[in-house]
Amino acid sequence: MRTVDTYLDSVLESVDRGESAALEAAQQIGFGEDDLHKIGMAVREALVNAVVHGNRYSAQKKVHFLIVQDSASLTITVGDEGKGFDLTRVPDPLAEENLLKESGRGILLIQAFVDEFQVRRLHPQGTEVTMVKYLKP
């Protein structure tokens, strides 16, 4: 089992760094091209959410980024230091009034691209998203 545990600055450049690290870990396990694309998109969406919506680009706030890889799965956790959100109160991106909005589809995409998805409120503040992708035999 290999682990990458780091803190990223709340800037969009961190999204690229995190996505690259996740893709490198996924390639080492043996994920194919299609799964690599899905993992990259899911990680990118989670990191953008943490930087933009969670930490609001604050230089004082960090994004906790954790990758745990074993021979059969990749687990990625992204945590921010923002106010947090309630997953049940996120507007449905497929509702007619939301279809043309520029944002709001990230969580839907993440859920479509990974095998397990969990959101947890952190205390005193923040949100942690955990994504798991299993290597299919």
N, C-alpha and C. Protein backbone atom coordinates (compact mmCIF):
# COMPACT_ATOMS: atom_id res chain seq x y z
N MET A 1 0.84 -1.18 0.00
CA MET A 1 0.00 0.00 0.00
C MET A 1 0.89 1.24 0.00
N ARG A 2 0.51 2.22 -0.85
CA ARG A 2 1.25 3.48 -0.91
C ARG A 2 0.31 4.62 -0.59
N THR A 3 0.86 5.63 0.06
CA THR A 3 0.06 6.77 0.47
C THR A 3 0.76 8.07 0.11
N VAL A 4 -0.02 9.02 -0.37
CA VAL A 4 0.44 10.40 -0.55
C VAL A 4 -0.47 11.24 0.34
N ASP A 5 0.10 11.96 1.27
CA ASP A 5 -0.68 12.78 2.20
C ASP A 5 -0.05 14.16 2.22
N THR A 6 -0.77 15.16 1.69
CA THR A 6 -0.19 16.48 1.55
C THR A 6 -1.26 17.57 1.73
N TYR A 7 -0.80 18.79 1.83
CA TYR A 7 -1.68 19.95 1.89
C TYR A 7 -1.37 20.83 0.69
N LEU A 8 -2.41 21.25 0.00
CA LEU A 8 -2.27 22.07 -1.19
C LEU A 8 -2.77 23.48 -0.91
N ASP A 9 -2.16 24.46 -1.57
CA ASP A 9 -2.63 25.84 -1.46
C ASP A 9 -3.99 25.97 -2.15
N SER A 10 -4.75 26.96 -1.76
CA SER A 10 -6.08 27.19 -2.33
C SER A 10 -5.99 28.02 -3.60
N VAL A 11 -5.30 27.45 -4.59
CA VAL A 11 -5.13 28.07 -5.90
C VAL A 11 -5.42 27.02 -6.97
N LEU A 12 -5.82 27.47 -8.14
CA LEU A 12 -6.17 26.51 -9.19
C LEU A 12 -4.99 25.67 -9.66
N GLU A 13 -3.77 26.16 -9.50
CA GLU A 13 -2.59 25.36 -9.86
C GLU A 13 -2.54 24.07 -9.03
N SER A 14 -3.08 24.11 -7.82
CA SER A 14 -3.11 22.92 -6.97
C SER A 14 -3.99 21.82 -7.56
N VAL A 15 -5.00 22.22 -8.32
CA VAL A 15 -5.88 21.25 -8.97
C VAL A 15 -5.07 20.40 -9.94
N ASP A 16 -4.24 21.04 -10.74
CA ASP A 16 -3.39 20.31 -11.69
C ASP A 16 -2.41 19.38 -10.96
N ARG A 17 -1.81 19.87 -9.89
CA ARG A 17 -0.85 19.05 -9.12
C ARG A 17 -1.54 17.82 -8.55
N GLY A 18 -2.72 18.02 -7.98
CA GLY A 18 -3.46 16.91 -7.39
C GLY A 18 -3.91 15.90 -8.42
N GLU A 19 -4.43 16.41 -9.54
CA GLU A 19 -4.87 15.51 -10.61
C GLU A 19 -3.69 14.68 -11.12
N SER A 20 -2.55 15.30 -11.34
CA SER A 20 -1.35 14.58 -11.82
C SER A 20 -0.93 13.49 -10.84
N ALA A 21 -0.93 13.80 -9.55
CA ALA A 21 -0.55 12.82 -8.54
C ALA A 21 -1.52 11.64 -8.52
N ALA A 22 -2.81 11.93 -8.63
CA ALA A 22 -3.82 10.87 -8.63
C ALA A 22 -3.69 9.98 -9.87
N LEU A 23 -3.45 10.60 -11.02
CA LEU A 23 -3.30 9.83 -12.26
C LEU A 23 -2.05 8.96 -12.23
N GLU A 24 -0.99 9.49 -11.66
CA GLU A 24 0.24 8.70 -11.52
C GLU A 24 -0.01 7.46 -10.65
N ALA A 25 -0.72 7.66 -9.54
CA ALA A 25 -1.04 6.53 -8.65
C ALA A 25 -1.95 5.53 -9.36
N ALA A 26 -2.92 6.01 -10.12
CA ALA A 26 -3.85 5.14 -10.83
C ALA A 26 -3.14 4.33 -11.91
N GLN A 27 -2.18 4.96 -12.59
CA GLN A 27 -1.41 4.25 -13.61
C GLN A 27 -0.56 3.14 -12.99
N GLN A 28 0.02 3.42 -11.82
CA GLN A 28 0.84 2.42 -11.13
C GLN A 28 0.03 1.18 -10.77
N ILE A 29 -1.24 1.38 -10.42
CA ILE A 29 -2.10 0.25 -10.07
C ILE A 29 -2.48 -0.54 -11.32
N GLY A 30 -2.61 0.15 -12.45
CA GLY A 30 -2.94 -0.53 -13.69
C GLY A 30 -4.29 -0.16 -14.28
N PHE A 31 -4.86 0.97 -13.90
CA PHE A 31 -6.11 1.41 -14.49
C PHE A 31 -5.91 1.71 -15.97
N GLY A 32 -6.92 1.38 -16.78
CA GLY A 32 -6.88 1.63 -18.21
C GLY A 32 -7.21 3.08 -18.54
N GLU A 33 -7.10 3.41 -19.82
CA GLU A 33 -7.27 4.78 -20.30
C GLU A 33 -8.63 5.37 -19.91
N ASP A 34 -9.70 4.59 -20.07
CA ASP A 34 -11.05 5.08 -19.76
C ASP A 34 -11.18 5.42 -18.28
N ASP A 35 -10.70 4.52 -17.43
CA ASP A 35 -10.76 4.77 -15.99
C ASP A 35 -9.85 5.92 -15.58
N LEU A 36 -8.70 6.05 -16.22
CA LEU A 36 -7.81 7.18 -15.92
C LEU A 36 -8.51 8.51 -16.21
N HIS A 37 -9.24 8.56 -17.30
CA HIS A 37 -9.98 9.78 -17.64
C HIS A 37 -11.03 10.07 -16.56
N LYS A 38 -11.76 9.05 -16.13
CA LYS A 38 -12.79 9.22 -15.10
C LYS A 38 -12.18 9.65 -13.77
N ILE A 39 -11.08 9.03 -13.39
CA ILE A 39 -10.41 9.40 -12.13
C ILE A 39 -9.92 10.84 -12.20
N GLY A 40 -9.30 11.20 -13.31
CA GLY A 40 -8.80 12.56 -13.47
C GLY A 40 -9.92 13.59 -13.36
N MET A 41 -11.04 13.33 -14.02
CA MET A 41 -12.18 14.25 -13.96
C MET A 41 -12.74 14.36 -12.55
N ALA A 42 -12.89 13.22 -11.87
CA ALA A 42 -13.45 13.22 -10.52
C ALA A 42 -12.55 13.99 -9.56
N VAL A 43 -11.25 13.74 -9.62
CA VAL A 43 -10.30 14.43 -8.73
C VAL A 43 -10.29 15.92 -9.04
N ARG A 44 -10.29 16.27 -10.32
CA ARG A 44 -10.29 17.68 -10.72
C ARG A 44 -11.53 18.38 -10.16
N GLU A 45 -12.70 17.78 -10.31
CA GLU A 45 -13.94 18.39 -9.81
C GLU A 45 -13.90 18.56 -8.29
N ALA A 46 -13.42 17.54 -7.58
CA ALA A 46 -13.37 17.62 -6.11
C ALA A 46 -12.39 18.71 -5.66
N LEU A 47 -11.25 18.81 -6.33
CA LEU A 47 -10.27 19.83 -5.96
C LEU A 47 -10.75 21.24 -6.31
N VAL A 48 -11.39 21.40 -7.46
CA VAL A 48 -11.94 22.71 -7.80
C VAL A 48 -12.99 23.11 -6.77
N ASN A 49 -13.85 22.17 -6.39
CA ASN A 49 -14.85 22.48 -5.36
C ASN A 49 -14.20 22.93 -4.06
N ALA A 50 -13.13 22.25 -3.66
CA ALA A 50 -12.44 22.58 -2.41
C ALA A 50 -11.79 23.96 -2.48
N VAL A 51 -11.10 24.25 -3.58
CA VAL A 51 -10.40 25.53 -3.73
C VAL A 51 -11.38 26.69 -3.91
N VAL A 52 -12.35 26.52 -4.81
CA VAL A 52 -13.24 27.61 -5.19
C VAL A 52 -14.40 27.78 -4.21
N HIS A 53 -15.16 26.72 -3.98
CA HIS A 53 -16.37 26.81 -3.16
C HIS A 53 -16.09 26.65 -1.68
N GLY A 54 -15.17 25.76 -1.33
CA GLY A 54 -14.85 25.54 0.08
C GLY A 54 -13.98 26.63 0.66
N ASN A 55 -12.75 26.71 0.18
CA ASN A 55 -11.78 27.66 0.73
C ASN A 55 -11.87 29.05 0.09
N ARG A 56 -12.61 29.20 -0.97
CA ARG A 56 -12.80 30.48 -1.66
C ARG A 56 -11.46 31.18 -1.95
N TYR A 57 -10.51 30.39 -2.42
CA TYR A 57 -9.17 30.89 -2.80
C TYR A 57 -8.40 31.53 -1.64
N SER A 58 -8.80 31.28 -0.41
CA SER A 58 -8.15 31.92 0.74
C SER A 58 -6.71 31.42 0.90
N ALA A 59 -5.78 32.36 0.97
CA ALA A 59 -4.36 32.01 1.17
C ALA A 59 -4.13 31.41 2.56
N GLN A 60 -5.05 31.65 3.49
CA GLN A 60 -4.92 31.13 4.85
C GLN A 60 -5.45 29.70 4.98
N LYS A 61 -6.15 29.22 3.97
CA LYS A 61 -6.77 27.89 4.05
C LYS A 61 -6.08 26.92 3.10
N LYS A 62 -5.97 25.68 3.54
CA LYS A 62 -5.33 24.63 2.75
C LYS A 62 -6.35 23.56 2.35
N VAL A 63 -5.99 22.81 1.33
CA VAL A 63 -6.76 21.65 0.91
C VAL A 63 -5.96 20.41 1.31
N HIS A 64 -6.57 19.57 2.14
CA HIS A 64 -5.93 18.31 2.53
C HIS A 64 -6.19 17.31 1.41
N PHE A 65 -5.12 16.72 0.88
CA PHE A 65 -5.22 15.81 -0.26
C PHE A 65 -4.53 14.51 0.10
N LEU A 66 -5.30 13.43 0.08
CA LEU A 66 -4.80 12.12 0.49
C LEU A 66 -5.10 11.10 -0.60
N ILE A 67 -4.06 10.37 -1.00
CA ILE A 67 -4.22 9.27 -1.96
C ILE A 67 -3.74 8.00 -1.27
N VAL A 68 -4.58 6.97 -1.27
CA VAL A 68 -4.19 5.67 -0.75
C VAL A 68 -4.41 4.66 -1.87
N GLN A 69 -3.33 4.00 -2.26
CA GLN A 69 -3.44 3.02 -3.33
C GLN A 69 -3.00 1.65 -2.83
N ASP A 70 -3.75 0.63 -3.24
CA ASP A 70 -3.30 -0.73 -3.02
C ASP A 70 -3.42 -1.46 -4.35
N SER A 71 -3.28 -2.75 -4.37
CA SER A 71 -3.25 -3.46 -5.64
C SER A 71 -4.59 -3.49 -6.36
N ALA A 72 -5.68 -3.20 -5.65
CA ALA A 72 -7.01 -3.33 -6.27
C ALA A 72 -7.85 -2.07 -6.24
N SER A 73 -7.37 -1.01 -5.60
CA SER A 73 -8.21 0.19 -5.51
C SER A 73 -7.39 1.45 -5.29
N LEU A 74 -8.06 2.56 -5.56
CA LEU A 74 -7.49 3.88 -5.35
C LEU A 74 -8.51 4.67 -4.54
N THR A 75 -8.08 5.19 -3.39
CA THR A 75 -8.95 6.01 -2.54
C THR A 75 -8.35 7.40 -2.47
N ILE A 76 -9.17 8.39 -2.80
CA ILE A 76 -8.70 9.77 -2.80
C ILE A 76 -9.62 10.58 -1.91
N THR A 77 -9.02 11.32 -0.98
CA THR A 77 -9.78 12.17 -0.07
C THR A 77 -9.33 13.61 -0.25
N VAL A 78 -10.32 14.50 -0.37
CA VAL A 78 -10.08 15.92 -0.54
C VAL A 78 -10.84 16.65 0.56
N GLY A 79 -10.11 17.40 1.38
CA GLY A 79 -10.76 18.13 2.47
C GLY A 79 -10.45 19.62 2.38
N ASP A 80 -11.48 20.43 2.64
CA ASP A 80 -11.27 21.87 2.64
C ASP A 80 -11.52 22.43 4.04
N GLU A 81 -11.30 23.72 4.20
CA GLU A 81 -11.48 24.40 5.49
C GLU A 81 -12.61 25.43 5.40
N GLY A 82 -13.55 25.20 4.50
CA GLY A 82 -14.65 26.14 4.29
C GLY A 82 -15.80 25.94 5.26
N LYS A 83 -16.92 26.60 4.95
CA LYS A 83 -18.09 26.55 5.82
C LYS A 83 -18.81 25.21 5.76
N GLY A 84 -18.55 24.42 4.72
CA GLY A 84 -19.21 23.14 4.56
C GLY A 84 -20.52 23.29 3.82
N PHE A 85 -21.07 22.15 3.41
CA PHE A 85 -22.34 22.17 2.71
C PHE A 85 -23.08 20.88 3.00
N ASP A 86 -24.37 20.92 2.75
CA ASP A 86 -25.23 19.76 2.95
C ASP A 86 -25.52 19.18 1.57
N LEU A 87 -25.08 17.95 1.34
CA LEU A 87 -25.23 17.31 0.04
C LEU A 87 -26.70 17.26 -0.38
N THR A 88 -27.60 17.10 0.56
CA THR A 88 -29.03 17.01 0.23
C THR A 88 -29.61 18.36 -0.21
N ARG A 89 -28.88 19.44 0.02
CA ARG A 89 -29.38 20.77 -0.36
C ARG A 89 -28.73 21.31 -1.63
N VAL A 90 -27.87 20.52 -2.25
CA VAL A 90 -27.25 20.94 -3.51
C VAL A 90 -28.31 20.84 -4.60
N PRO A 91 -28.52 21.91 -5.38
CA PRO A 91 -29.55 21.88 -6.43
C PRO A 91 -29.31 20.77 -7.44
N ASP A 92 -30.37 20.15 -7.90
CA ASP A 92 -30.30 19.08 -8.89
C ASP A 92 -29.82 19.66 -10.22
N PRO A 93 -28.62 19.25 -10.70
CA PRO A 93 -28.10 19.84 -11.93
C PRO A 93 -28.90 19.43 -13.17
N LEU A 94 -29.74 18.40 -13.03
CA LEU A 94 -30.53 17.94 -14.16
C LEU A 94 -31.92 18.57 -14.20
N ALA A 95 -32.26 19.35 -13.17
CA ALA A 95 -33.53 20.06 -13.18
C ALA A 95 -33.51 21.11 -14.29
N GLU A 96 -34.65 21.31 -14.93
CA GLU A 96 -34.71 22.20 -16.10
C GLU A 96 -34.14 23.60 -15.82
N GLU A 97 -34.42 24.14 -14.63
CA GLU A 97 -33.95 25.50 -14.31
C GLU A 97 -32.43 25.56 -14.11
N ASN A 98 -31.77 24.40 -13.97
CA ASN A 98 -30.32 24.38 -13.73
C ASN A 98 -29.50 23.91 -14.93
N LEU A 99 -30.16 23.48 -15.99
CA LEU A 99 -29.45 22.87 -17.12
C LEU A 99 -28.46 23.82 -17.80
N LEU A 100 -28.75 25.09 -17.84
CA LEU A 100 -27.89 26.03 -18.55
C LEU A 100 -26.91 26.77 -17.64
N LYS A 101 -26.93 26.46 -16.35
CA LYS A 101 -26.00 27.11 -15.43
C LYS A 101 -24.58 26.64 -15.71
N GLU A 102 -23.61 27.55 -15.47
CA GLU A 102 -22.21 27.23 -15.76
C GLU A 102 -21.58 26.29 -14.74
N SER A 103 -22.15 26.22 -13.54
CA SER A 103 -21.59 25.32 -12.53
C SER A 103 -22.71 24.52 -11.89
N GLY A 104 -22.33 23.57 -11.03
CA GLY A 104 -23.33 22.80 -10.32
C GLY A 104 -23.38 21.34 -10.71
N ARG A 105 -22.51 20.90 -11.62
CA ARG A 105 -22.53 19.51 -12.05
C ARG A 105 -21.38 18.68 -11.51
N GLY A 106 -20.49 19.30 -10.74
CA GLY A 106 -19.30 18.60 -10.27
C GLY A 106 -19.59 17.36 -9.46
N ILE A 107 -20.48 17.45 -8.50
CA ILE A 107 -20.78 16.29 -7.65
C ILE A 107 -21.43 15.18 -8.46
N LEU A 108 -22.32 15.55 -9.39
CA LEU A 108 -22.95 14.56 -10.25
C LEU A 108 -21.89 13.82 -11.07
N LEU A 109 -20.92 14.56 -11.61
CA LEU A 109 -19.84 13.95 -12.40
C LEU A 109 -18.98 13.02 -11.53
N ILE A 110 -18.62 13.49 -10.35
CA ILE A 110 -17.81 12.67 -9.46
C ILE A 110 -18.52 11.35 -9.18
N GLN A 111 -19.80 11.43 -8.81
CA GLN A 111 -20.56 10.23 -8.49
C GLN A 111 -20.64 9.27 -9.68
N ALA A 112 -20.69 9.81 -10.89
CA ALA A 112 -20.76 8.97 -12.09
C ALA A 112 -19.43 8.30 -12.40
N PHE A 113 -18.33 8.90 -11.97
CA PHE A 113 -17.01 8.42 -12.38
C PHE A 113 -16.29 7.54 -11.36
N VAL A 114 -16.77 7.48 -10.12
CA VAL A 114 -16.12 6.64 -9.11
C VAL A 114 -17.09 5.58 -8.61
N ASP A 115 -16.55 4.57 -7.94
CA ASP A 115 -17.38 3.46 -7.45
C ASP A 115 -17.99 3.76 -6.09
N GLU A 116 -17.31 4.54 -5.27
CA GLU A 116 -17.85 4.95 -3.97
C GLU A 116 -17.60 6.44 -3.80
N PHE A 117 -18.57 7.12 -3.20
CA PHE A 117 -18.48 8.57 -2.99
C PHE A 117 -19.09 8.89 -1.64
N GLN A 118 -18.36 9.63 -0.84
CA GLN A 118 -18.85 9.98 0.50
C GLN A 118 -18.47 11.43 0.80
N VAL A 119 -19.41 12.16 1.42
CA VAL A 119 -19.16 13.54 1.85
C VAL A 119 -19.34 13.57 3.36
N ARG A 120 -18.41 14.23 4.03
CA ARG A 120 -18.45 14.30 5.48
C ARG A 120 -18.14 15.72 5.93
N ARG A 121 -18.94 16.23 6.86
CA ARG A 121 -18.66 17.56 7.45
C ARG A 121 -17.52 17.40 8.45
N LEU A 122 -16.61 18.34 8.43
CA LEU A 122 -15.50 18.34 9.38
C LEU A 122 -15.80 19.36 10.48
N HIS A 123 -15.21 19.15 11.65
CA HIS A 123 -15.43 20.09 12.77
C HIS A 123 -14.11 20.68 13.18
N PRO A 124 -14.02 21.98 13.41
CA PRO A 124 -15.13 22.93 13.53
C PRO A 124 -15.71 23.36 12.19
N GLN A 125 -14.95 23.22 11.09
CA GLN A 125 -15.49 23.60 9.77
C GLN A 125 -14.79 22.81 8.69
N GLY A 126 -15.40 22.81 7.52
CA GLY A 126 -14.80 22.14 6.38
C GLY A 126 -15.63 20.97 5.90
N THR A 127 -15.25 20.48 4.74
CA THR A 127 -15.91 19.34 4.11
C THR A 127 -14.84 18.39 3.61
N GLU A 128 -15.11 17.11 3.72
CA GLU A 128 -14.19 16.09 3.23
C GLU A 128 -14.94 15.18 2.27
N VAL A 129 -14.39 15.02 1.08
CA VAL A 129 -14.97 14.15 0.06
C VAL A 129 -14.02 12.97 -0.12
N THR A 130 -14.58 11.76 -0.07
CA THR A 130 -13.79 10.56 -0.30
C THR A 130 -14.33 9.84 -1.51
N MET A 131 -13.42 9.48 -2.41
CA MET A 131 -13.76 8.79 -3.66
C MET A 131 -12.96 7.50 -3.74
N VAL A 132 -13.61 6.42 -4.14
CA VAL A 132 -12.92 5.14 -4.30
C VAL A 132 -13.20 4.61 -5.69
N LYS A 133 -12.15 4.16 -6.35
CA LYS A 133 -12.27 3.51 -7.67
C LYS A 133 -11.60 2.15 -7.56
N TYR A 134 -12.32 1.10 -7.95
CA TYR A 134 -11.79 -0.27 -7.89
C TYR A 134 -11.28 -0.70 -9.26
N LEU A 135 -10.16 -1.40 -9.23
CA LEU A 135 -9.58 -1.95 -10.45
C LEU A 135 -10.37 -3.21 -10.80
N LYS A 136 -10.98 -3.21 -11.98
CA LYS A 136 -11.77 -4.38 -12.40
C LYS A 136 -10.81 -5.42 -12.94
N PRO A 137 -10.99 -6.69 -12.52
CA PRO A 137 -10.09 -7.74 -13.02
C PRO A 137 -10.26 -8.01 -14.51
